[in-house]
Amino acid sequence: MMPLIFAEPGEEQIIKKIGGSPEVKKHLEDLGFNVGGEVSIVSMLGGNLIVKIKESRVAVSEELAKKIMI
């Protein structure tokens, strides 16, 4: 298990755990990040990630990406 920030761009990954405070977990769940869901990195820009989740693209900060475990 490792943080999403270390995943290779373009590879499908399965979310195994979401860390952080209850507010952070709720925010990530509202964006579509759920345990068991598929996620892949589209691109990395200055530490921030563009990820594909549920047929949508979402921008995630490096800090939030470190809380998503794959």
N, C-alpha and C. Protein backbone atom coordinates (compact mmCIF):
# COMPACT_ATOMS: atom_id res chain seq x y z
N MET A 1 0.86 -1.18 0.00
CA MET A 1 0.00 0.00 0.00
C MET A 1 0.90 1.24 0.00
N MET A 2 0.55 2.22 -0.86
CA MET A 2 1.34 3.45 -0.95
C MET A 2 0.41 4.61 -1.28
N PRO A 3 0.85 5.85 -1.01
CA PRO A 3 0.03 7.01 -1.36
C PRO A 3 -0.10 7.17 -2.87
N LEU A 4 -1.22 7.72 -3.29
CA LEU A 4 -1.50 7.93 -4.72
C LEU A 4 -0.41 8.75 -5.40
N ILE A 5 0.22 9.65 -4.68
CA ILE A 5 1.25 10.53 -5.25
C ILE A 5 2.40 9.74 -5.89
N PHE A 6 2.62 8.48 -5.45
CA PHE A 6 3.72 7.67 -5.97
C PHE A 6 3.31 6.74 -7.11
N ALA A 7 2.05 6.79 -7.53
CA ALA A 7 1.59 5.93 -8.63
C ALA A 7 2.14 6.43 -9.96
N GLU A 8 2.26 5.50 -10.91
CA GLU A 8 2.70 5.85 -12.26
C GLU A 8 1.51 6.44 -13.04
N PRO A 9 1.73 7.53 -13.76
CA PRO A 9 0.65 8.10 -14.58
C PRO A 9 0.14 7.08 -15.60
N GLY A 10 -1.18 7.04 -15.77
CA GLY A 10 -1.80 6.18 -16.76
C GLY A 10 -2.17 4.79 -16.27
N GLU A 11 -1.67 4.36 -15.12
CA GLU A 11 -1.98 3.03 -14.60
C GLU A 11 -3.21 3.07 -13.70
N GLU A 12 -4.15 2.17 -13.95
CA GLU A 12 -5.34 2.06 -13.11
C GLU A 12 -4.94 1.52 -11.74
N GLN A 13 -5.43 2.14 -10.68
CA GLN A 13 -5.14 1.71 -9.31
C GLN A 13 -6.45 1.56 -8.56
N ILE A 14 -6.45 0.72 -7.54
CA ILE A 14 -7.62 0.54 -6.68
C ILE A 14 -7.37 1.25 -5.36
N ILE A 15 -8.32 2.06 -4.92
CA ILE A 15 -8.18 2.78 -3.64
C ILE A 15 -8.40 1.78 -2.51
N LYS A 16 -7.42 1.69 -1.60
CA LYS A 16 -7.50 0.74 -0.49
C LYS A 16 -7.88 1.42 0.82
N LYS A 17 -7.51 2.70 0.98
CA LYS A 17 -7.77 3.39 2.24
C LYS A 17 -7.73 4.89 1.99
N ILE A 18 -8.56 5.62 2.73
CA ILE A 18 -8.53 7.08 2.68
C ILE A 18 -8.27 7.57 4.09
N GLY A 19 -7.18 8.32 4.26
CA GLY A 19 -6.80 8.81 5.57
C GLY A 19 -7.20 10.26 5.78
N GLY A 20 -6.82 10.79 6.92
CA GLY A 20 -7.09 12.19 7.24
C GLY A 20 -8.24 12.35 8.22
N SER A 21 -8.56 13.59 8.48
CA SER A 21 -9.64 13.91 9.42
C SER A 21 -10.99 13.55 8.79
N PRO A 22 -12.03 13.47 9.60
CA PRO A 22 -13.36 13.18 9.03
C PRO A 22 -13.77 14.17 7.94
N GLU A 23 -13.37 15.43 8.09
CA GLU A 23 -13.72 16.44 7.08
C GLU A 23 -13.00 16.16 5.76
N VAL A 24 -11.73 15.76 5.84
CA VAL A 24 -10.95 15.45 4.64
C VAL A 24 -11.53 14.22 3.96
N LYS A 25 -11.85 13.19 4.74
CA LYS A 25 -12.43 11.97 4.18
C LYS A 25 -13.74 12.28 3.46
N LYS A 26 -14.58 13.10 4.08
CA LYS A 26 -15.88 13.46 3.48
C LYS A 26 -15.66 14.23 2.18
N HIS A 27 -14.71 15.16 2.18
CA HIS A 27 -14.41 15.94 0.98
C HIS A 27 -13.97 15.03 -0.16
N LEU A 28 -13.07 14.10 0.12
CA LEU A 28 -12.59 13.17 -0.90
C LEU A 28 -13.70 12.26 -1.39
N GLU A 29 -14.56 11.80 -0.49
CA GLU A 29 -15.69 10.97 -0.90
C GLU A 29 -16.64 11.76 -1.79
N ASP A 30 -16.85 13.03 -1.48
CA ASP A 30 -17.71 13.88 -2.31
C ASP A 30 -17.14 14.06 -3.71
N LEU A 31 -15.81 14.01 -3.83
CA LEU A 31 -15.16 14.11 -5.14
C LEU A 31 -15.20 12.79 -5.91
N GLY A 32 -15.58 11.70 -5.22
CA GLY A 32 -15.69 10.40 -5.88
C GLY A 32 -14.65 9.39 -5.46
N PHE A 33 -13.78 9.75 -4.51
CA PHE A 33 -12.75 8.83 -4.04
C PHE A 33 -13.33 7.93 -2.95
N ASN A 34 -13.62 6.68 -3.31
CA ASN A 34 -14.18 5.72 -2.36
C ASN A 34 -13.31 4.47 -2.35
N VAL A 35 -13.22 3.81 -1.18
CA VAL A 35 -12.45 2.58 -1.06
C VAL A 35 -13.02 1.55 -2.03
N GLY A 36 -12.13 0.92 -2.79
CA GLY A 36 -12.54 -0.05 -3.79
C GLY A 36 -12.72 0.55 -5.17
N GLY A 37 -12.73 1.87 -5.26
CA GLY A 37 -12.89 2.54 -6.56
C GLY A 37 -11.59 2.58 -7.34
N GLU A 38 -11.72 2.72 -8.66
CA GLU A 38 -10.55 2.81 -9.53
C GLU A 38 -10.17 4.26 -9.74
N VAL A 39 -8.86 4.51 -9.76
CA VAL A 39 -8.33 5.85 -9.97
C VAL A 39 -7.06 5.74 -10.80
N SER A 40 -6.82 6.72 -11.65
CA SER A 40 -5.55 6.77 -12.38
C SER A 40 -5.10 8.21 -12.52
N ILE A 41 -3.79 8.41 -12.52
CA ILE A 41 -3.22 9.74 -12.66
C ILE A 41 -3.16 10.08 -14.14
N VAL A 42 -3.71 11.24 -14.49
CA VAL A 42 -3.66 11.72 -15.88
C VAL A 42 -2.37 12.52 -16.07
N SER A 43 -2.09 13.45 -15.14
CA SER A 43 -0.86 14.23 -15.22
C SER A 43 -0.51 14.81 -13.86
N MET A 44 0.75 15.26 -13.74
CA MET A 44 1.24 15.89 -12.52
C MET A 44 1.75 17.27 -12.90
N LEU A 45 1.27 18.28 -12.19
CA LEU A 45 1.67 19.65 -12.47
C LEU A 45 2.09 20.33 -11.18
N GLY A 46 3.38 20.53 -11.00
CA GLY A 46 3.89 21.23 -9.82
C GLY A 46 3.48 20.61 -8.50
N GLY A 47 3.45 19.28 -8.45
CA GLY A 47 3.06 18.61 -7.21
C GLY A 47 1.59 18.29 -7.13
N ASN A 48 0.76 19.00 -7.91
CA ASN A 48 -0.66 18.71 -7.94
C ASN A 48 -0.94 17.64 -8.99
N LEU A 49 -2.02 16.88 -8.78
CA LEU A 49 -2.35 15.79 -9.68
C LEU A 49 -3.68 16.04 -10.38
N ILE A 50 -3.75 15.63 -11.63
CA ILE A 50 -5.02 15.53 -12.33
C ILE A 50 -5.30 14.03 -12.38
N VAL A 51 -6.39 13.60 -11.78
CA VAL A 51 -6.70 12.18 -11.73
C VAL A 51 -8.03 11.89 -12.40
N LYS A 52 -8.15 10.68 -12.92
CA LYS A 52 -9.40 10.23 -13.52
C LYS A 52 -10.07 9.32 -12.52
N ILE A 53 -11.29 9.67 -12.15
CA ILE A 53 -12.06 8.87 -11.20
C ILE A 53 -13.51 8.87 -11.67
N LYS A 54 -14.09 7.70 -11.84
CA LYS A 54 -15.48 7.57 -12.28
C LYS A 54 -15.77 8.37 -13.55
N GLU A 55 -14.96 8.22 -14.56
CA GLU A 55 -15.15 8.89 -15.86
C GLU A 55 -15.06 10.42 -15.77
N SER A 56 -14.54 10.96 -14.67
CA SER A 56 -14.34 12.39 -14.52
C SER A 56 -12.87 12.67 -14.24
N ARG A 57 -12.47 13.90 -14.51
CA ARG A 57 -11.11 14.31 -14.15
C ARG A 57 -11.20 15.32 -13.02
N VAL A 58 -10.37 15.10 -12.02
CA VAL A 58 -10.39 15.93 -10.82
C VAL A 58 -8.97 16.36 -10.48
N ALA A 59 -8.80 17.63 -10.10
CA ALA A 59 -7.50 18.12 -9.64
C ALA A 59 -7.41 17.90 -8.14
N VAL A 60 -6.28 17.34 -7.70
CA VAL A 60 -6.06 17.04 -6.28
C VAL A 60 -4.70 17.58 -5.88
N SER A 61 -4.63 18.24 -4.73
CA SER A 61 -3.34 18.75 -4.26
C SER A 61 -2.46 17.59 -3.82
N GLU A 62 -1.17 17.85 -3.74
CA GLU A 62 -0.21 16.84 -3.29
C GLU A 62 -0.56 16.36 -1.88
N GLU A 63 -0.98 17.31 -1.03
CA GLU A 63 -1.33 16.98 0.35
C GLU A 63 -2.50 15.99 0.41
N LEU A 64 -3.54 16.21 -0.41
CA LEU A 64 -4.68 15.28 -0.43
C LEU A 64 -4.29 13.95 -1.06
N ALA A 65 -3.47 13.99 -2.10
CA ALA A 65 -3.05 12.76 -2.78
C ALA A 65 -2.30 11.83 -1.84
N LYS A 66 -1.60 12.40 -0.86
CA LYS A 66 -0.87 11.59 0.11
C LYS A 66 -1.80 10.88 1.08
N LYS A 67 -3.05 11.31 1.18
CA LYS A 67 -4.03 10.69 2.08
C LYS A 67 -4.80 9.55 1.40
N ILE A 68 -4.67 9.45 0.08
CA ILE A 68 -5.36 8.39 -0.68
C ILE A 68 -4.37 7.24 -0.87
N MET A 69 -4.65 6.11 -0.25
CA MET A 69 -3.75 4.96 -0.30
C MET A 69 -4.22 3.96 -1.35
N ILE A 70 -3.25 3.51 -2.17
CA ILE A 70 -3.58 2.54 -3.22
C ILE A 70 -2.79 1.25 -3.01
